[in-house]
PDB file of N, CA and C in Angstrom:
ATOM      1  N   MET A   1      31.385  35.055   6.799  1.00  0.00           N
ATOM      2  CA  MET A   1      30.450  34.983   5.809  1.00  0.00           C
ATOM      3  C   MET A   1      30.322  33.515   5.362  1.00  0.00           C
ATOM      4  N   CYS A   2      29.060  33.037   5.050  1.00  0.00           N
ATOM      5  CA  CYS A   2      28.854  31.636   4.662  1.00  0.00           C
ATOM      6  C   CYS A   2      29.226  31.362   3.225  1.00  0.00           C
ATOM      7  N   GLU A   3      29.648  30.213   3.013  1.00  0.00           N
ATOM      8  CA  GLU A   3      29.931  29.710   1.619  1.00  0.00           C
ATOM      9  C   GLU A   3      28.618  29.512   0.931  1.00  0.00           C
ATOM     10  N   PRO A   4      28.522  29.701  -0.392  1.00  0.00           N
ATOM     11  CA  PRO A   4      27.299  29.398  -1.093  1.00  0.00           C
ATOM     12  C   PRO A   4      27.066  27.875  -1.010  1.00  0.00           C
ATOM     13  N   VAL A   5      25.809  27.548  -0.963  1.00  0.00           N
ATOM     14  CA  VAL A   5      25.424  26.138  -0.927  1.00  0.00           C
ATOM     15  C   VAL A   5      25.577  25.542  -2.366  1.00  0.00           C
ATOM     16  N   LEU A   6      25.177  26.347  -3.352  1.00  0.00           N
ATOM     17  CA  LEU A   6      25.201  25.816  -4.732  1.00  0.00           C
ATOM     18  C   LEU A   6      26.041  26.751  -5.613  1.00  0.00           C
ATOM     19  N   ASP A   7      26.624  26.221  -6.714  1.00  0.00           N
ATOM     20  CA  ASP A   7      27.323  26.959  -7.665  1.00  0.00           C
ATOM     21  C   ASP A   7      26.250  27.217  -8.783  1.00  0.00           C
ATOM     22  N   GLY A   8      25.857  28.511  -8.938  1.00  0.00           N
ATOM     23  CA  GLY A   8      24.827  28.864  -9.831  1.00  0.00           C
ATOM     24  C   GLY A   8      25.079  28.494 -11.291  1.00  0.00           C
ATOM     25  N   ASN A   9      26.316  28.809 -11.702  1.00  0.00           N
ATOM     26  CA  ASN A   9      26.653  28.504 -13.117  1.00  0.00           C
ATOM     27  C   ASN A   9      26.732  26.982 -13.381  1.00  0.00           C
ATOM     28  N   ALA A  10      27.219  26.239 -12.440  1.00  0.00           N
ATOM     29  CA  ALA A  10      27.314  24.763 -12.600  1.00  0.00           C
ATOM     30  C   ALA A  10      25.825  24.184 -12.578  1.00  0.00           C
ATOM     31  N   LEU A  11      25.023  24.797 -11.746  1.00  0.00           N
ATOM     32  CA  LEU A  11      23.636  24.353 -11.622  1.00  0.00           C
ATOM     33  C   LEU A  11      22.845  24.503 -13.013  1.00  0.00           C
ATOM     34  N   ILE A  12      23.093  25.625 -13.623  1.00  0.00           N
ATOM     35  CA  ILE A  12      22.490  25.857 -14.955  1.00  0.00           C
ATOM     36  C   ILE A  12      23.038  24.875 -15.964  1.00  0.00           C
ATOM     37  N   ARG A  13      24.339  24.579 -15.954  1.00  0.00           N
ATOM     38  CA  ARG A  13      24.874  23.587 -16.922  1.00  0.00           C
ATOM     39  C   ARG A  13      24.305  22.200 -16.611  1.00  0.00           C
ATOM     40  N   GLU A  14      24.173  21.857 -15.360  1.00  0.00           N
ATOM     41  CA  GLU A  14      23.600  20.501 -14.913  1.00  0.00           C
ATOM     42  C   GLU A  14      22.191  20.430 -15.440  1.00  0.00           C
ATOM     43  N   TRP A  15      21.394  21.451 -15.272  1.00  0.00           N
ATOM     44  CA  TRP A  15      19.963  21.531 -15.549  1.00  0.00           C
ATOM     45  C   TRP A  15      19.828  21.341 -17.067  1.00  0.00           C
ATOM     46  N   ARG A  16      20.669  21.964 -17.863  1.00  0.00           N
ATOM     47  CA  ARG A  16      20.659  21.789 -19.306  1.00  0.00           C
ATOM     48  C   ARG A  16      20.806  20.406 -19.737  1.00  0.00           C
ATOM     49  N   MET A  17      21.713  19.720 -19.096  1.00  0.00           N
ATOM     50  CA  MET A  17      22.003  18.356 -19.475  1.00  0.00           C
ATOM     51  C   MET A  17      20.732  17.412 -19.014  1.00  0.00           C
ATOM     52  N   VAL A  18      20.203  17.661 -17.851  1.00  0.00           N
ATOM     53  CA  VAL A  18      19.129  16.814 -17.397  1.00  0.00           C
ATOM     54  C   VAL A  18      17.872  17.189 -18.229  1.00  0.00           C
ATOM     55  N   ARG A  19      17.662  18.451 -18.569  1.00  0.00           N
ATOM     56  CA  ARG A  19      16.598  18.873 -19.386  1.00  0.00           C
ATOM     57  C   ARG A  19      16.472  18.022 -20.737  1.00  0.00           C
ATOM     58  N   ASN A  20      17.560  17.822 -21.268  1.00  0.00           N
ATOM     59  CA  ASN A  20      17.658  16.972 -22.542  1.00  0.00           C
ATOM     60  C   ASN A  20      17.150  15.545 -22.252  1.00  0.00           C
ATOM     61  N   ILE A  21      17.521  14.981 -21.072  1.00  0.00           N
ATOM     62  CA  ILE A  21      17.088  13.708 -20.734  1.00  0.00           C
ATOM     63  C   ILE A  21      15.644  13.687 -20.505  1.00  0.00           C
ATOM     64  N   ILE A  22      15.038  14.703 -19.870  1.00  0.00           N
ATOM     65  CA  ILE A  22      13.672  14.805 -19.547  1.00  0.00           C
ATOM     66  C   ILE A  22      12.824  14.942 -20.795  1.00  0.00           C
ATOM     67  N   CYS A  23      13.305  15.694 -21.789  1.00  0.00           N
ATOM     68  CA  CYS A  23      12.549  15.865 -23.007  1.00  0.00           C
ATOM     69  C   CYS A  23      12.292  14.563 -23.764  1.00  0.00           C
ATOM     70  N   ASP A  24      13.102  13.557 -23.579  1.00  0.00           N
ATOM     71  CA  ASP A  24      12.942  12.290 -24.256  1.00  0.00           C
ATOM     72  C   ASP A  24      11.716  11.548 -23.616  1.00  0.00           C
ATOM     73  N   TYR A  25      11.191  11.954 -22.499  1.00  0.00           N
ATOM     74  CA  TYR A  25      10.106  11.227 -21.846  1.00  0.00           C
ATOM     75  C   TYR A  25       8.877  12.107 -21.738  1.00  0.00           C
ATOM     76  N   LYS A  26       8.673  13.139 -22.560  1.00  0.00           N
ATOM     77  CA  LYS A  26       7.484  14.053 -22.404  1.00  0.00           C
ATOM     78  C   LYS A  26       6.243  13.419 -22.771  1.00  0.00           C
ATOM     79  N   ASN A  27       6.183  12.215 -23.506  1.00  0.00           N
ATOM     80  CA  ASN A  27       4.923  11.592 -23.848  1.00  0.00           C
ATOM     81  C   ASN A  27       4.445  10.594 -22.778  1.00  0.00           C
ATOM     82  N   PHE A  28       5.298  10.365 -21.744  1.00  0.00           N
ATOM     83  CA  PHE A  28       4.979   9.421 -20.670  1.00  0.00           C
ATOM     84  C   PHE A  28       4.137  10.075 -19.568  1.00  0.00           C
ATOM     85  N   GLN A  29       3.427   9.267 -18.828  1.00  0.00           N
ATOM     86  CA  GLN A  29       2.789   9.815 -17.591  1.00  0.00           C
ATOM     87  C   GLN A  29       3.871  10.360 -16.655  1.00  0.00           C
ATOM     88  N   PHE A  30       3.540  11.232 -15.778  1.00  0.00           N
ATOM     89  CA  PHE A  30       4.509  11.910 -14.876  1.00  0.00           C
ATOM     90  C   PHE A  30       5.338  10.960 -14.129  1.00  0.00           C
ATOM     91  N   ILE A  31       4.710  10.053 -13.346  1.00  0.00           N
ATOM     92  CA  ILE A  31       5.443   9.105 -12.481  1.00  0.00           C
ATOM     93  C   ILE A  31       6.314   8.163 -13.252  1.00  0.00           C
ATOM     94  N   GLU A  32       5.773   7.659 -14.398  1.00  0.00           N
ATOM     95  CA  GLU A  32       6.558   6.771 -15.239  1.00  0.00           C
ATOM     96  C   GLU A  32       7.747   7.468 -15.878  1.00  0.00           C
ATOM     97  N   ALA A  33       7.581   8.681 -16.239  1.00  0.00           N
ATOM     98  CA  ALA A  33       8.665   9.438 -16.859  1.00  0.00           C
ATOM     99  C   ALA A  33       9.793   9.656 -15.848  1.00  0.00           C
ATOM    100  N   TRP A  34       9.510  10.087 -14.645  1.00  0.00           N
ATOM    101  CA  TRP A  34      10.570  10.376 -13.614  1.00  0.00           C
ATOM    102  C   TRP A  34      11.203   8.989 -13.142  1.00  0.00           C
ATOM    103  N   TYR A  35      10.353   8.004 -13.072  1.00  0.00           N
ATOM    104  CA  TYR A  35      10.945   6.631 -12.766  1.00  0.00           C
ATOM    105  C   TYR A  35      12.013   6.269 -13.821  1.00  0.00           C
ATOM    106  N   ARG A  36      11.707   6.393 -15.093  1.00  0.00           N
ATOM    107  CA  ARG A  36      12.683   6.081 -16.128  1.00  0.00           C
ATOM    108  C   ARG A  36      13.927   7.035 -16.109  1.00  0.00           C
ATOM    109  N   ILE A  37      13.633   8.297 -15.925  1.00  0.00           N
ATOM    110  CA  ILE A  37      14.741   9.284 -15.841  1.00  0.00           C
ATOM    111  C   ILE A  37      15.671   9.045 -14.743  1.00  0.00           C
ATOM    112  N   LEU A  38      15.099   8.691 -13.526  1.00  0.00           N
ATOM    113  CA  LEU A  38      15.925   8.450 -12.391  1.00  0.00           C
ATOM    114  C   LEU A  38      16.819   7.125 -12.525  1.00  0.00           C
ATOM    115  N   ILE A  39      16.170   6.141 -13.263  1.00  0.00           N
ATOM    116  CA  ILE A  39      16.989   4.947 -13.540  1.00  0.00           C
ATOM    117  C   ILE A  39      18.174   5.246 -14.389  1.00  0.00           C
ATOM    118  N   ILE A  40      17.967   6.126 -15.345  1.00  0.00           N
ATOM    119  CA  ILE A  40      19.030   6.526 -16.286  1.00  0.00           C
ATOM    120  C   ILE A  40      20.196   7.229 -15.594  1.00  0.00           C
ATOM    121  N   ILE A  41      19.744   8.224 -14.787  1.00  0.00           N
ATOM    122  CA  ILE A  41      20.851   9.139 -14.166  1.00  0.00           C
ATOM    123  C   ILE A  41      21.236   8.744 -12.763  1.00  0.00           C
ATOM    124  N   LEU A  42      20.665   7.677 -12.237  1.00  0.00           N
ATOM    125  CA  LEU A  42      20.898   7.366 -10.848  1.00  0.00           C
ATOM    126  C   LEU A  42      22.432   7.010 -10.638  1.00  0.00           C
ATOM    127  N   GLY A  43      22.955   6.216 -11.568  1.00  0.00           N
ATOM    128  CA  GLY A  43      24.363   5.843 -11.465  1.00  0.00           C
ATOM    129  C   GLY A  43      25.311   6.995 -11.549  1.00  0.00           C
ATOM    130  N   THR A  44      24.968   8.079 -12.283  1.00  0.00           N
ATOM    131  CA  THR A  44      25.958   9.186 -12.456  1.00  0.00           C
ATOM    132  C   THR A  44      25.452  10.447 -11.827  1.00  0.00           C
ATOM    133  N   VAL A  45      24.343  10.376 -11.089  1.00  0.00           N
ATOM    134  CA  VAL A  45      23.716  11.630 -10.550  1.00  0.00           C
ATOM    135  C   VAL A  45      24.616  12.351  -9.596  1.00  0.00           C
ATOM    136  N   PHE A  46      25.374  11.669  -8.756  1.00  0.00           N
ATOM    137  CA  PHE A  46      26.212  12.356  -7.765  1.00  0.00           C
ATOM    138  C   PHE A  46      27.533  12.822  -8.429  1.00  0.00           C
ATOM    139  N   VAL A  47      27.929  12.192  -9.415  1.00  0.00           N
ATOM    140  CA  VAL A  47      29.085  12.648 -10.108  1.00  0.00           C
ATOM    141  C   VAL A  47      28.852  13.744 -11.028  1.00  0.00           C
ATOM    142  N   LYS A  48      27.844  13.673 -11.911  1.00  0.00           N
ATOM    143  CA  LYS A  48      27.549  14.595 -12.937  1.00  0.00           C
ATOM    144  C   LYS A  48      26.711  15.809 -12.436  1.00  0.00           C
ATOM    145  N   PHE A  49      25.804  15.623 -11.448  1.00  0.00           N
ATOM    146  CA  PHE A  49      24.837  16.561 -11.130  1.00  0.00           C
ATOM    147  C   PHE A  49      24.790  16.917  -9.608  1.00  0.00           C
ATOM    148  N   PRO A  50      25.862  17.262  -8.999  1.00  0.00           N
ATOM    149  CA  PRO A  50      25.897  17.448  -7.546  1.00  0.00           C
ATOM    150  C   PRO A  50      25.127  18.719  -7.154  1.00  0.00           C
ATOM    151  N   ASN A  51      25.123  19.767  -7.887  1.00  0.00           N
ATOM    152  CA  ASN A  51      24.378  21.016  -7.525  1.00  0.00           C
ATOM    153  C   ASN A  51      22.902  20.664  -7.681  1.00  0.00           C
ATOM    154  N   LEU A  52      22.530  19.941  -8.729  1.00  0.00           N
ATOM    155  CA  LEU A  52      21.003  19.750  -8.981  1.00  0.00           C
ATOM    156  C   LEU A  52      20.548  18.853  -7.782  1.00  0.00           C
ATOM    157  N   ILE A  53      21.350  17.881  -7.391  1.00  0.00           N
ATOM    158  CA  ILE A  53      20.942  17.041  -6.375  1.00  0.00           C
ATOM    159  C   ILE A  53      20.726  17.842  -5.064  1.00  0.00           C
ATOM    160  N   LYS A  54      21.656  18.702  -4.768  1.00  0.00           N
ATOM    161  CA  LYS A  54      21.659  19.538  -3.574  1.00  0.00           C
ATOM    162  C   LYS A  54      20.337  20.409  -3.601  1.00  0.00           C
ATOM    163  N   LEU A  55      20.035  20.990  -4.830  1.00  0.00           N
ATOM    164  CA  LEU A  55      18.767  21.776  -4.918  1.00  0.00           C
ATOM    165  C   LEU A  55      17.586  20.910  -4.690  1.00  0.00           C
ATOM    166  N   VAL A  56      17.490  19.742  -5.187  1.00  0.00           N
ATOM    167  CA  VAL A  56      16.400  18.851  -4.960  1.00  0.00           C
ATOM    168  C   VAL A  56      16.264  18.550  -3.446  1.00  0.00           C
ATOM    169  N   GLU A  57      17.413  18.298  -2.796  1.00  0.00           N
ATOM    170  CA  GLU A  57      17.408  17.980  -1.333  1.00  0.00           C
ATOM    171  C   GLU A  57      16.826  19.132  -0.537  1.00  0.00           C
ATOM    172  N   LEU A  58      17.237  20.399  -0.905  1.00  0.00           N
ATOM    173  CA  LEU A  58      16.802  21.534  -0.288  1.00  0.00           C
ATOM    174  C   LEU A  58      15.306  21.782  -0.496  1.00  0.00           C
ATOM    175  N   ALA A  59      14.812  21.503  -1.715  1.00  0.00           N
ATOM    176  CA  ALA A  59      13.396  21.606  -2.038  1.00  0.00           C
ATOM    177  C   ALA A  59      12.537  20.662  -1.248  1.00  0.00           C
ATOM    178  N   LEU A  60      13.085  19.483  -0.994  1.00  0.00           N
ATOM    179  CA  LEU A  60      12.290  18.467  -0.316  1.00  0.00           C
ATOM    180  C   LEU A  60      12.201  18.704   1.161  1.00  0.00           C
ATOM    181  N   VAL A  61      13.141  19.510   1.740  1.00  0.00           N
ATOM    182  CA  VAL A  61      13.035  19.729   3.206  1.00  0.00           C
ATOM    183  C   VAL A  61      12.271  21.085   3.535  1.00  0.00           C
ATOM    184  N   VAL A  62      12.009  21.877   2.481  1.00  0.00           N
ATOM    185  CA  VAL A  62      11.216  23.162   2.747  1.00  0.00           C
ATOM    186  C   VAL A  62       9.728  22.798   2.904  1.00  0.00           C
ATOM    187  N   PRO A  63       9.146  23.186   4.020  1.00  0.00           N
ATOM    188  CA  PRO A  63       7.740  22.816   4.148  1.00  0.00           C
ATOM    189  C   PRO A  63       6.909  23.395   3.129  1.00  0.00           C
ATOM    190  N   ILE A  64       5.857  22.644   2.622  1.00  0.00           N
ATOM    191  CA  ILE A  64       4.923  23.164   1.689  1.00  0.00           C
ATOM    192  C   ILE A  64       3.923  24.129   2.286  1.00  0.00           C
ATOM    193  N   SER A  65       3.632  23.874   3.505  1.00  0.00           N
ATOM    194  CA  SER A  65       2.598  24.681   4.170  1.00  0.00           C
ATOM    195  C   SER A  65       3.157  25.144   5.481  1.00  0.00           C
ATOM    196  N   SER A  66       2.654  26.381   5.941  1.00  0.00           N
ATOM    197  CA  SER A  66       3.136  26.912   7.103  1.00  0.00           C
ATOM    198  C   SER A  66       2.001  26.857   8.246  1.00  0.00           C
ATOM    199  N   GLY A  67       1.077  25.890   8.056  1.00  0.00           N
ATOM    200  CA  GLY A  67      -0.105  25.677   8.871  1.00  0.00           C
ATOM    201  C   GLY A  67       0.401  25.355  10.351  1.00  0.00           C
ATOM    202  N   VAL A  68       1.357  24.484  10.460  1.00  0.00           N
ATOM    203  CA  VAL A  68       1.774  24.035  11.839  1.00  0.00           C
ATOM    204  C   VAL A  68       2.387  25.237  12.570  1.00  0.00           C
ATOM    205  N   VAL A  69       3.183  26.036  11.903  1.00  0.00           N
ATOM    206  CA  VAL A  69       3.750  27.249  12.579  1.00  0.00           C
ATOM    207  C   VAL A  69       2.696  28.204  12.915  1.00  0.00           C
ATOM    208  N   GLU A  70       1.741  28.444  12.076  1.00  0.00           N
ATOM    209  CA  GLU A  70       0.631  29.318  12.354  1.00  0.00           C
ATOM    210  C   GLU A  70      -0.139  28.905  13.623  1.00  0.00           C
ATOM    211  N   ARG A  71      -0.384  27.590  13.681  1.00  0.00           N
ATOM    212  CA  ARG A  71      -1.120  27.167  14.860  1.00  0.00           C
ATOM    213  C   ARG A  71      -0.306  27.332  16.099  1.00  0.00           C
ATOM    214  N   VAL A  72       0.985  27.158  16.090  1.00  0.00           N
ATOM    215  CA  VAL A  72       1.813  27.377  17.258  1.00  0.00           C
ATOM    216  C   VAL A  72       1.768  28.793  17.676  1.00  0.00           C
ATOM    217  N   PHE A  73       1.898  29.800  16.720  1.00  0.00           N
ATOM    218  CA  PHE A  73       1.766  31.198  17.072  1.00  0.00           C
ATOM    219  C   PHE A  73       0.432  31.545  17.597  1.00  0.00           C
ATOM    220  N   SER A  74      -0.578  30.962  17.068  1.00  0.00           N
ATOM    221  CA  SER A  74      -2.009  31.271  17.526  1.00  0.00           C
ATOM    222  C   SER A  74      -2.127  30.691  18.982  1.00  0.00           C
ATOM    223  N   HIS A  75      -1.725  29.604  19.227  1.00  0.00           N
ATOM    224  CA  HIS A  75      -1.706  29.009  20.628  1.00  0.00           C
ATOM    225  C   HIS A  75      -0.914  29.882  21.592  1.00  0.00           C
ATOM    226  N   GLN A  76       0.238  30.391  21.186  1.00  0.00           N
ATOM    227  CA  GLN A  76       1.066  31.256  21.948  1.00  0.00           C
ATOM    228  C   GLN A  76       0.270  32.500  22.257  1.00  0.00           C
ATOM    229  N   ASN A  77      -0.355  33.072  21.286  1.00  0.00           N
ATOM    230  CA  ASN A  77      -1.064  34.322  21.502  1.00  0.00           C
ATOM    231  C   ASN A  77      -2.271  34.120  22.441  1.00  0.00           C
ATOM    232  N   LEU A  78      -2.927  32.878  22.416  1.00  0.00           N
ATOM    233  CA  LEU A  78      -4.032  32.641  23.256  1.00  0.00           C
ATOM    234  C   LEU A  78      -3.558  32.543  24.708  1.00  0.00           C
ATOM    235  N   ILE A  79      -2.320  32.010  24.946  1.00  0.00           N
ATOM    236  CA  ILE A  79      -1.737  31.961  26.233  1.00  0.00           C
ATOM    237  C   ILE A  79      -1.422  33.342  26.723  1.00  0.00           C
ATOM    238  N   LYS A  80      -0.841  34.165  25.904  1.00  0.00           N
ATOM    239  CA  LYS A  80      -0.574  35.569  26.311  1.00  0.00           C
ATOM    240  C   LYS A  80      -1.787  36.347  26.672  1.00  0.00           C
ATOM    241  N   ILE A  81      -2.814  36.093  25.887  1.00  0.00           N
ATOM    242  CA  ILE A  81      -4.143  36.890  26.201  1.00  0.00           C
ATOM    243  C   ILE A  81      -4.661  36.336  27.523  1.00  0.00           C
ATOM    244  N   GLY A  82      -4.557  35.045  27.725  1.00  0.00           N
ATOM    245  CA  GLY A  82      -5.105  34.541  29.024  1.00  0.00           C
ATOM    246  C   GLY A  82      -4.300  35.050  30.227  1.00  0.00           C
ATOM    247  N   MET A  83      -3.004  35.242  30.130  1.00  0.00           N
ATOM    248  CA  MET A  83      -2.178  35.652  31.160  1.00  0.00           C
ATOM    249  C   MET A  83      -2.427  37.180  31.507  1.00  0.00           C
ATOM    250  N   LYS A  84      -2.937  37.907  30.563  1.00  0.00           N
ATOM    251  CA  LYS A  84      -3.274  39.358  30.794  1.00  0.00           C
ATOM    252  C   LYS A  84      -4.429  39.465  31.770  1.00  0.00           C
ATOM    253  N   PHE A  85      -5.426  38.474  31.741  1.00  0.00           N
ATOM    254  CA  PHE A  85      -6.518  38.632  32.503  1.00  0.00           C
ATOM    255  C   PHE A  85      -6.339  37.979  33.883  1.00  0.00           C
ATOM    256  N   LEU A  86      -5.232  37.434  34.233  1.00  0.00           N
ATOM    257  CA  LEU A  86      -4.997  36.924  35.514  1.00  0.00           C
ATOM    258  C   LEU A  86      -4.670  37.899  36.581  1.00  0.00           C
TER     259      LEU A  86
END
């Protein structure tokens, strides 16, 4: 059995700490706010927020769209259909 990638309880604690930092920048534009937030926590992010960083890394590698995969399957089906008529 695989080990869990994240510690759920620790992740909740980390999010509560980061949420307080985020609330200080709610009047800023989105990009400006996150820029300032990252500057503040960048030095401590790997020490204080390892589960949150892992969650962000996982979120960034998950594809937003499945269009590429759908095109591959569509092409595969066209090949199969073509082989039936040979």
